[in-house]
N, C-alpha and C. Protein backbone atom coordinates (compact mmCIF):
# COMPACT_ATOMS: atom_id res chain seq x y z
N UNK A 1 -7.48 -29.86 -22.48
CA UNK A 1 -7.85 -28.78 -21.59
C UNK A 1 -7.50 -29.13 -20.13
N UNK A 2 -7.83 -30.36 -19.73
CA UNK A 2 -7.54 -30.78 -18.37
C UNK A 2 -6.03 -30.79 -18.14
N UNK A 3 -5.28 -31.29 -19.13
CA UNK A 3 -3.82 -31.32 -19.01
C UNK A 3 -3.26 -29.91 -18.84
N UNK A 4 -3.79 -28.97 -19.63
CA UNK A 4 -3.34 -27.57 -19.54
C UNK A 4 -3.65 -27.00 -18.15
N UNK A 5 -4.82 -27.31 -17.60
CA UNK A 5 -5.19 -26.84 -16.26
C UNK A 5 -4.27 -27.42 -15.20
N UNK A 6 -3.95 -28.69 -15.33
CA UNK A 6 -3.07 -29.34 -14.36
C UNK A 6 -1.68 -28.71 -14.41
N UNK A 7 -1.16 -28.47 -15.62
CA UNK A 7 0.15 -27.82 -15.74
C UNK A 7 0.13 -26.42 -15.14
N UNK A 8 -0.95 -25.69 -15.35
CA UNK A 8 -1.06 -24.34 -14.80
C UNK A 8 -1.07 -24.38 -13.28
N UNK A 9 -1.78 -25.33 -12.69
CA UNK A 9 -1.83 -25.46 -11.23
C UNK A 9 -0.45 -25.83 -10.69
N UNK A 10 0.25 -26.75 -11.35
CA UNK A 10 1.57 -27.15 -10.90
C UNK A 10 2.53 -25.97 -10.97
N UNK A 11 2.48 -25.22 -12.07
CA UNK A 11 3.34 -24.04 -12.23
C UNK A 11 3.07 -23.03 -11.14
N UNK A 12 1.78 -22.77 -10.85
CA UNK A 12 1.42 -21.81 -9.80
C UNK A 12 1.89 -22.31 -8.44
N UNK A 13 1.84 -23.61 -8.21
CA UNK A 13 2.29 -24.16 -6.92
C UNK A 13 3.79 -23.94 -6.73
N UNK A 14 4.58 -24.15 -7.79
CA UNK A 14 6.02 -23.92 -7.68
C UNK A 14 6.32 -22.44 -7.46
N UNK A 15 5.60 -21.57 -8.14
CA UNK A 15 5.82 -20.13 -7.97
C UNK A 15 5.50 -19.71 -6.54
N UNK A 16 4.43 -20.26 -5.97
CA UNK A 16 4.05 -19.91 -4.61
C UNK A 16 5.09 -20.40 -3.61
N UNK A 17 5.69 -21.56 -3.88
CA UNK A 17 6.67 -22.12 -2.95
C UNK A 17 7.97 -21.32 -2.98
N UNK A 18 8.27 -20.65 -4.09
CA UNK A 18 9.54 -19.94 -4.19
C UNK A 18 9.43 -18.54 -3.62
N UNK A 19 8.57 -17.70 -4.15
CA UNK A 19 8.48 -16.34 -3.63
C UNK A 19 7.08 -15.77 -3.80
N UNK A 20 6.82 -15.21 -4.96
CA UNK A 20 5.61 -14.43 -5.15
C UNK A 20 4.61 -15.19 -6.00
N UNK A 21 3.36 -15.23 -5.57
CA UNK A 21 2.30 -15.86 -6.33
C UNK A 21 1.89 -14.93 -7.46
N UNK A 22 1.93 -15.39 -8.72
CA UNK A 22 1.50 -14.53 -9.81
C UNK A 22 0.00 -14.28 -9.71
N UNK A 23 -0.45 -13.22 -10.34
CA UNK A 23 -1.88 -12.90 -10.34
C UNK A 23 -2.66 -14.09 -10.91
N UNK A 24 -3.78 -14.33 -10.33
CA UNK A 24 -4.58 -15.49 -10.72
C UNK A 24 -5.63 -15.12 -11.76
N UNK A 25 -5.75 -15.95 -12.77
CA UNK A 25 -6.85 -15.79 -13.70
C UNK A 25 -7.80 -16.98 -13.52
N UNK A 26 -7.69 -17.63 -12.36
CA UNK A 26 -8.49 -18.82 -12.11
C UNK A 26 -9.65 -18.57 -11.15
N UNK A 27 -9.87 -17.32 -10.79
CA UNK A 27 -11.00 -16.99 -9.93
C UNK A 27 -12.28 -17.39 -10.64
N UNK A 28 -13.08 -18.22 -10.00
CA UNK A 28 -14.32 -18.68 -10.60
C UNK A 28 -14.18 -19.91 -11.47
N UNK A 29 -12.94 -20.42 -11.63
CA UNK A 29 -12.73 -21.62 -12.44
C UNK A 29 -13.45 -22.80 -11.83
N UNK A 30 -13.93 -23.70 -12.67
CA UNK A 30 -14.64 -24.89 -12.19
C UNK A 30 -13.71 -25.80 -11.41
N UNK A 31 -14.26 -26.42 -10.37
CA UNK A 31 -13.54 -27.40 -9.56
C UNK A 31 -14.57 -28.40 -9.03
N UNK A 32 -14.14 -29.30 -8.20
CA UNK A 32 -15.04 -30.35 -7.73
C UNK A 32 -14.99 -31.52 -8.69
N UNK A 33 -15.80 -32.54 -8.45
CA UNK A 33 -15.84 -33.73 -9.30
C UNK A 33 -14.46 -34.31 -9.56
N UNK A 34 -13.52 -34.12 -8.64
CA UNK A 34 -12.16 -34.65 -8.76
C UNK A 34 -11.40 -34.09 -9.95
N UNK A 35 -11.77 -32.92 -10.43
CA UNK A 35 -10.98 -32.31 -11.50
C UNK A 35 -9.87 -31.49 -10.86
N UNK A 36 -9.06 -30.84 -11.66
CA UNK A 36 -7.89 -30.12 -11.15
C UNK A 36 -8.24 -29.25 -9.94
N UNK A 37 -7.46 -29.35 -8.88
CA UNK A 37 -7.73 -28.57 -7.68
C UNK A 37 -7.46 -27.08 -7.90
N UNK A 38 -7.98 -26.28 -7.02
CA UNK A 38 -7.73 -24.84 -7.07
C UNK A 38 -6.29 -24.55 -6.65
N UNK A 39 -5.74 -23.39 -7.05
CA UNK A 39 -4.40 -23.01 -6.58
C UNK A 39 -4.37 -22.94 -5.05
N UNK A 40 -3.18 -22.93 -4.49
CA UNK A 40 -3.02 -23.01 -3.03
C UNK A 40 -3.66 -21.86 -2.26
N UNK A 41 -3.80 -20.69 -2.89
CA UNK A 41 -4.40 -19.55 -2.20
C UNK A 41 -5.92 -19.48 -2.39
N UNK A 42 -6.47 -20.51 -3.03
CA UNK A 42 -7.92 -20.56 -3.28
C UNK A 42 -8.50 -21.83 -2.69
N UNK A 43 -9.82 -21.84 -2.59
CA UNK A 43 -10.52 -23.04 -2.14
C UNK A 43 -11.67 -23.30 -3.10
N UNK A 44 -12.10 -24.55 -3.16
CA UNK A 44 -13.21 -24.93 -4.01
C UNK A 44 -14.50 -24.78 -3.21
N UNK A 45 -15.39 -23.92 -3.68
CA UNK A 45 -16.65 -23.66 -3.01
C UNK A 45 -17.76 -24.33 -3.82
N UNK A 46 -18.57 -25.19 -3.19
CA UNK A 46 -19.60 -25.89 -3.95
C UNK A 46 -20.65 -24.93 -4.53
N UNK A 47 -21.10 -25.23 -5.75
CA UNK A 47 -22.15 -24.43 -6.38
C UNK A 47 -23.50 -24.67 -5.71
N UNK A 48 -23.69 -25.85 -5.19
CA UNK A 48 -24.93 -26.20 -4.50
C UNK A 48 -24.69 -26.12 -2.99
N UNK A 49 -25.44 -25.30 -2.27
CA UNK A 49 -25.19 -25.15 -0.83
C UNK A 49 -25.41 -26.43 -0.03
N UNK A 50 -26.09 -27.41 -0.62
CA UNK A 50 -26.34 -28.67 0.08
C UNK A 50 -25.25 -29.71 -0.17
N UNK A 51 -24.30 -29.39 -1.02
CA UNK A 51 -23.21 -30.32 -1.32
C UNK A 51 -22.24 -30.36 -0.14
N UNK A 52 -21.95 -31.53 0.35
CA UNK A 52 -21.00 -31.70 1.45
C UNK A 52 -19.71 -32.38 0.97
N UNK A 53 -19.73 -33.02 -0.18
CA UNK A 53 -18.58 -33.76 -0.70
C UNK A 53 -18.25 -33.27 -2.10
N UNK A 54 -17.17 -32.46 -2.21
CA UNK A 54 -16.83 -31.84 -3.49
C UNK A 54 -16.38 -32.85 -4.55
N UNK A 55 -16.09 -34.07 -4.18
CA UNK A 55 -15.77 -35.08 -5.18
C UNK A 55 -17.02 -35.53 -5.92
N UNK A 56 -18.18 -35.13 -5.44
CA UNK A 56 -19.44 -35.56 -6.05
C UNK A 56 -20.29 -34.42 -6.60
N UNK A 57 -19.79 -33.21 -6.55
CA UNK A 57 -20.56 -32.08 -7.07
C UNK A 57 -19.63 -31.01 -7.63
N UNK A 58 -20.22 -30.10 -8.37
CA UNK A 58 -19.44 -29.02 -8.99
C UNK A 58 -19.22 -27.88 -8.01
N UNK A 59 -18.14 -27.16 -8.24
CA UNK A 59 -17.84 -25.98 -7.45
C UNK A 59 -17.06 -24.99 -8.30
N UNK A 60 -16.59 -23.94 -7.66
CA UNK A 60 -15.76 -22.94 -8.34
C UNK A 60 -14.71 -22.42 -7.36
N UNK A 61 -13.58 -21.98 -7.89
CA UNK A 61 -12.47 -21.51 -7.07
C UNK A 61 -12.71 -20.08 -6.58
N UNK A 62 -12.47 -19.87 -5.28
CA UNK A 62 -12.54 -18.54 -4.67
C UNK A 62 -11.31 -18.37 -3.78
N UNK A 63 -10.89 -17.11 -3.60
CA UNK A 63 -9.77 -16.85 -2.72
C UNK A 63 -10.12 -17.26 -1.30
N UNK A 64 -9.14 -17.82 -0.58
CA UNK A 64 -9.35 -18.20 0.82
C UNK A 64 -9.53 -16.97 1.69
N UNK A 65 -8.74 -15.94 1.43
CA UNK A 65 -8.80 -14.73 2.25
C UNK A 65 -9.70 -13.70 1.57
N UNK A 66 -10.70 -13.25 2.31
CA UNK A 66 -11.67 -12.28 1.79
C UNK A 66 -11.32 -10.88 2.27
N UNK A 67 -11.51 -9.91 1.39
CA UNK A 67 -11.32 -8.50 1.71
C UNK A 67 -12.53 -7.73 1.21
N UNK A 68 -12.94 -6.70 1.95
CA UNK A 68 -14.08 -5.90 1.52
C UNK A 68 -13.77 -5.22 0.20
N UNK A 69 -14.81 -5.09 -0.64
CA UNK A 69 -14.70 -4.32 -1.87
C UNK A 69 -14.79 -2.85 -1.53
N UNK A 70 -14.19 -2.03 -2.38
CA UNK A 70 -14.25 -0.58 -2.18
C UNK A 70 -14.17 0.09 -3.54
N UNK A 71 -14.55 1.34 -3.56
CA UNK A 71 -14.46 2.13 -4.78
C UNK A 71 -15.30 1.54 -5.89
N UNK A 72 -14.91 1.80 -7.10
CA UNK A 72 -15.62 1.30 -8.26
C UNK A 72 -16.82 2.16 -8.60
N UNK A 73 -17.37 1.92 -9.76
CA UNK A 73 -18.51 2.69 -10.23
C UNK A 73 -19.79 2.02 -9.75
N UNK A 74 -20.18 2.31 -8.53
CA UNK A 74 -21.40 1.78 -7.94
C UNK A 74 -22.18 2.94 -7.32
N UNK A 75 -23.49 2.78 -7.11
CA UNK A 75 -24.28 3.88 -6.53
C UNK A 75 -23.75 4.34 -5.18
N UNK A 76 -23.35 3.40 -4.33
CA UNK A 76 -22.83 3.74 -3.00
C UNK A 76 -21.54 2.96 -2.76
N UNK A 77 -20.41 3.45 -3.28
CA UNK A 77 -19.16 2.70 -3.09
C UNK A 77 -18.78 2.61 -1.62
N UNK A 78 -18.30 1.46 -1.23
CA UNK A 78 -17.87 1.21 0.15
C UNK A 78 -16.54 1.93 0.40
N UNK A 79 -16.40 2.53 1.54
CA UNK A 79 -15.14 3.14 1.96
C UNK A 79 -14.49 2.23 2.99
N UNK A 80 -13.18 2.14 2.94
CA UNK A 80 -12.43 1.31 3.89
C UNK A 80 -12.33 2.02 5.23
N UNK A 81 -12.14 1.24 6.31
CA UNK A 81 -11.94 1.84 7.62
C UNK A 81 -10.52 2.41 7.70
N UNK A 82 -10.17 3.01 8.83
CA UNK A 82 -8.89 3.70 8.98
C UNK A 82 -7.67 2.78 8.94
N UNK A 83 -7.86 1.47 9.14
CA UNK A 83 -6.74 0.53 9.13
C UNK A 83 -6.49 -0.10 7.77
N UNK A 84 -7.31 0.26 6.79
CA UNK A 84 -7.21 -0.32 5.46
C UNK A 84 -7.15 0.77 4.41
N UNK A 85 -6.63 0.42 3.24
CA UNK A 85 -6.55 1.35 2.12
C UNK A 85 -7.17 0.68 0.90
N UNK A 86 -7.92 1.46 0.13
CA UNK A 86 -8.57 0.95 -1.08
C UNK A 86 -7.54 0.91 -2.21
N UNK A 87 -7.34 -0.27 -2.80
CA UNK A 87 -6.35 -0.42 -3.87
C UNK A 87 -6.82 -1.48 -4.85
N UNK A 88 -6.19 -1.50 -6.04
CA UNK A 88 -6.44 -2.57 -7.00
C UNK A 88 -6.06 -3.89 -6.34
N UNK A 89 -6.77 -4.96 -6.67
CA UNK A 89 -6.53 -6.27 -6.09
C UNK A 89 -5.35 -6.94 -6.79
N UNK A 90 -4.20 -7.08 -6.10
CA UNK A 90 -3.03 -7.70 -6.73
C UNK A 90 -3.19 -9.19 -6.98
N UNK A 91 -4.25 -9.80 -6.46
CA UNK A 91 -4.47 -11.22 -6.67
C UNK A 91 -5.05 -11.49 -8.06
N UNK A 92 -5.53 -10.45 -8.72
CA UNK A 92 -6.15 -10.60 -10.04
C UNK A 92 -5.16 -10.21 -11.13
N UNK A 93 -5.36 -10.75 -12.35
CA UNK A 93 -4.45 -10.38 -13.44
C UNK A 93 -4.45 -8.87 -13.66
N UNK A 94 -3.32 -8.32 -14.09
CA UNK A 94 -3.26 -6.88 -14.32
C UNK A 94 -4.32 -6.42 -15.32
N UNK A 95 -4.98 -5.35 -14.98
CA UNK A 95 -5.95 -4.70 -15.86
C UNK A 95 -6.02 -3.25 -15.40
N UNK A 96 -6.91 -2.48 -15.94
CA UNK A 96 -6.92 -1.06 -15.55
C UNK A 96 -7.61 -0.85 -14.21
N UNK A 97 -8.24 -1.88 -13.64
CA UNK A 97 -8.77 -1.85 -12.28
C UNK A 97 -9.60 -0.65 -11.93
N UNK A 98 -9.26 -0.02 -10.80
CA UNK A 98 -10.05 1.11 -10.30
C UNK A 98 -9.98 2.31 -11.25
N UNK A 99 -8.94 2.41 -12.05
CA UNK A 99 -8.86 3.50 -13.03
C UNK A 99 -9.98 3.39 -14.07
N UNK A 100 -10.51 2.17 -14.24
CA UNK A 100 -11.62 1.93 -15.18
C UNK A 100 -12.91 1.67 -14.41
N UNK A 101 -13.01 2.18 -13.20
CA UNK A 101 -14.21 2.09 -12.37
C UNK A 101 -14.52 0.69 -11.86
N UNK A 102 -13.55 -0.22 -11.90
CA UNK A 102 -13.74 -1.53 -11.29
C UNK A 102 -13.50 -1.39 -9.79
N UNK A 103 -14.14 -2.20 -8.97
CA UNK A 103 -13.89 -2.10 -7.53
C UNK A 103 -12.50 -2.59 -7.16
N UNK A 104 -12.00 -2.08 -6.05
CA UNK A 104 -10.73 -2.54 -5.49
C UNK A 104 -11.02 -3.33 -4.23
N UNK A 105 -9.98 -3.54 -3.43
CA UNK A 105 -10.15 -4.22 -2.14
C UNK A 105 -9.60 -3.33 -1.04
N UNK A 106 -10.13 -3.52 0.16
CA UNK A 106 -9.62 -2.83 1.35
C UNK A 106 -8.47 -3.68 1.88
N UNK A 107 -7.26 -3.29 1.56
CA UNK A 107 -6.06 -4.02 2.00
C UNK A 107 -5.52 -3.38 3.27
N UNK A 108 -4.97 -4.19 4.17
CA UNK A 108 -4.41 -3.63 5.41
C UNK A 108 -3.31 -2.62 5.11
N UNK A 109 -3.33 -1.49 5.81
CA UNK A 109 -2.27 -0.48 5.63
C UNK A 109 -0.92 -1.03 6.05
N UNK A 110 -0.92 -1.87 7.06
CA UNK A 110 0.33 -2.44 7.59
C UNK A 110 0.56 -3.85 7.07
N UNK A 111 0.27 -4.10 5.79
CA UNK A 111 0.46 -5.43 5.22
C UNK A 111 1.95 -5.77 5.20
N UNK A 112 2.27 -7.04 5.47
CA UNK A 112 3.65 -7.51 5.43
C UNK A 112 4.14 -7.55 3.99
N UNK A 113 5.43 -7.29 3.81
CA UNK A 113 6.05 -7.44 2.51
C UNK A 113 6.72 -8.80 2.44
N UNK A 114 6.88 -9.31 1.23
CA UNK A 114 7.42 -10.66 1.06
C UNK A 114 8.22 -10.72 -0.24
N UNK A 115 8.91 -11.84 -0.43
CA UNK A 115 9.66 -12.06 -1.66
C UNK A 115 10.96 -11.29 -1.68
N UNK A 116 11.33 -10.83 -2.86
CA UNK A 116 12.59 -10.11 -3.04
C UNK A 116 13.78 -11.04 -2.91
N UNK A 117 15.01 -10.47 -2.96
CA UNK A 117 16.23 -11.29 -2.82
C UNK A 117 16.26 -12.02 -1.49
N UNK A 118 15.73 -11.37 -0.45
CA UNK A 118 15.75 -11.98 0.88
C UNK A 118 14.76 -13.13 1.00
N UNK A 119 13.79 -13.20 0.11
CA UNK A 119 12.81 -14.29 0.14
C UNK A 119 11.92 -14.27 1.37
N UNK A 120 11.56 -13.06 1.85
CA UNK A 120 10.71 -12.96 3.03
C UNK A 120 9.42 -13.74 2.84
N UNK A 121 9.03 -14.46 3.87
CA UNK A 121 7.81 -15.27 3.84
C UNK A 121 6.66 -14.52 4.52
N UNK A 122 5.46 -14.87 4.14
CA UNK A 122 4.26 -14.29 4.76
C UNK A 122 3.93 -15.04 6.04
N UNK A 123 3.23 -14.38 6.96
CA UNK A 123 2.72 -15.10 8.13
C UNK A 123 1.77 -16.21 7.67
N UNK A 124 1.64 -17.21 8.50
CA UNK A 124 0.78 -18.35 8.17
C UNK A 124 -0.63 -17.88 7.83
N UNK A 125 -1.19 -18.45 6.78
CA UNK A 125 -2.55 -18.11 6.35
C UNK A 125 -2.61 -16.98 5.34
N UNK A 126 -1.48 -16.32 5.10
CA UNK A 126 -1.42 -15.25 4.09
C UNK A 126 -0.57 -15.74 2.93
N UNK A 127 -0.76 -15.13 1.76
CA UNK A 127 -0.06 -15.53 0.55
C UNK A 127 0.63 -14.31 -0.06
N UNK A 128 1.76 -14.53 -0.69
CA UNK A 128 2.55 -13.46 -1.26
C UNK A 128 2.12 -13.21 -2.70
N UNK A 129 1.74 -11.95 -3.00
CA UNK A 129 1.29 -11.57 -4.33
C UNK A 129 2.17 -10.47 -4.88
N UNK A 130 2.42 -10.52 -6.17
CA UNK A 130 3.16 -9.48 -6.85
C UNK A 130 2.37 -8.18 -6.76
N UNK A 131 3.04 -7.11 -6.35
CA UNK A 131 2.37 -5.81 -6.28
C UNK A 131 2.20 -5.26 -7.69
N UNK A 132 1.18 -4.48 -7.88
CA UNK A 132 0.92 -3.90 -9.19
C UNK A 132 1.74 -2.62 -9.34
N UNK A 133 3.08 -2.82 -9.41
CA UNK A 133 3.98 -1.67 -9.42
C UNK A 133 4.90 -1.64 -10.63
N UNK A 134 4.68 -2.51 -11.60
CA UNK A 134 5.53 -2.55 -12.79
C UNK A 134 6.73 -3.46 -12.67
N UNK A 135 7.08 -3.90 -11.48
CA UNK A 135 8.19 -4.83 -11.27
C UNK A 135 7.61 -6.24 -11.33
N UNK A 136 8.03 -7.03 -12.32
CA UNK A 136 7.46 -8.36 -12.52
C UNK A 136 8.50 -9.43 -12.23
N UNK A 137 8.32 -10.23 -11.16
CA UNK A 137 9.30 -11.26 -10.82
C UNK A 137 9.41 -12.36 -11.87
N UNK A 138 8.42 -12.51 -12.70
CA UNK A 138 8.46 -13.55 -13.73
C UNK A 138 9.10 -13.06 -15.02
N UNK A 139 9.41 -11.77 -15.10
CA UNK A 139 10.01 -11.21 -16.31
C UNK A 139 11.16 -10.27 -15.96
N UNK A 140 12.20 -10.80 -15.32
CA UNK A 140 13.41 -10.05 -15.08
C UNK A 140 13.49 -9.28 -13.78
N UNK A 141 12.43 -9.19 -13.03
CA UNK A 141 12.45 -8.43 -11.78
C UNK A 141 12.81 -9.33 -10.61
N UNK A 142 14.07 -9.72 -10.51
CA UNK A 142 14.50 -10.69 -9.51
C UNK A 142 14.32 -10.20 -8.08
N UNK A 143 14.35 -8.89 -7.85
CA UNK A 143 14.23 -8.38 -6.49
C UNK A 143 12.88 -7.69 -6.25
N UNK A 144 11.86 -8.08 -6.98
CA UNK A 144 10.54 -7.50 -6.76
C UNK A 144 10.01 -7.98 -5.42
N UNK A 145 9.47 -7.05 -4.66
CA UNK A 145 8.83 -7.48 -3.41
C UNK A 145 7.35 -7.67 -3.67
N UNK A 146 6.74 -8.45 -2.83
CA UNK A 146 5.32 -8.69 -2.92
C UNK A 146 4.63 -8.21 -1.66
N UNK A 147 3.34 -8.43 -1.60
CA UNK A 147 2.55 -8.05 -0.43
C UNK A 147 1.79 -9.28 0.05
N UNK A 148 1.72 -9.45 1.36
CA UNK A 148 1.02 -10.60 1.95
C UNK A 148 -0.46 -10.27 2.12
N UNK A 149 -1.31 -11.06 1.50
CA UNK A 149 -2.77 -10.90 1.64
C UNK A 149 -3.39 -12.24 1.94
């Protein structure tokens, strides 16, 4: 299991270095205790708020960049401000998302595009994710563009 996790992290690291980061299924994965590190767009958050050294306590992987939740089947769904648009989260594996009443994220309307044949890079601190548009860079879509989040 550990070997499989390490290979998955290495594969994700190479994908991130080339163009578009594939959707992550590692959100909430265990980390800490010197086990496999989180992917580059995630950080290890300690499960215990008093833990200061992640090599000595358990944690879980969370995205480094946070976006407000919106939509979804909740009593009072959050609406995005005028500079953001509510959409399915491209950082997560493809699923029916907001169409199945799951919450989305408030993504910037003016988000940078990345990847494609030109290999556009994201500004520092942002990561390139495959857009949920049917074009898959890992399955024949060589010129798929991504979005920086």
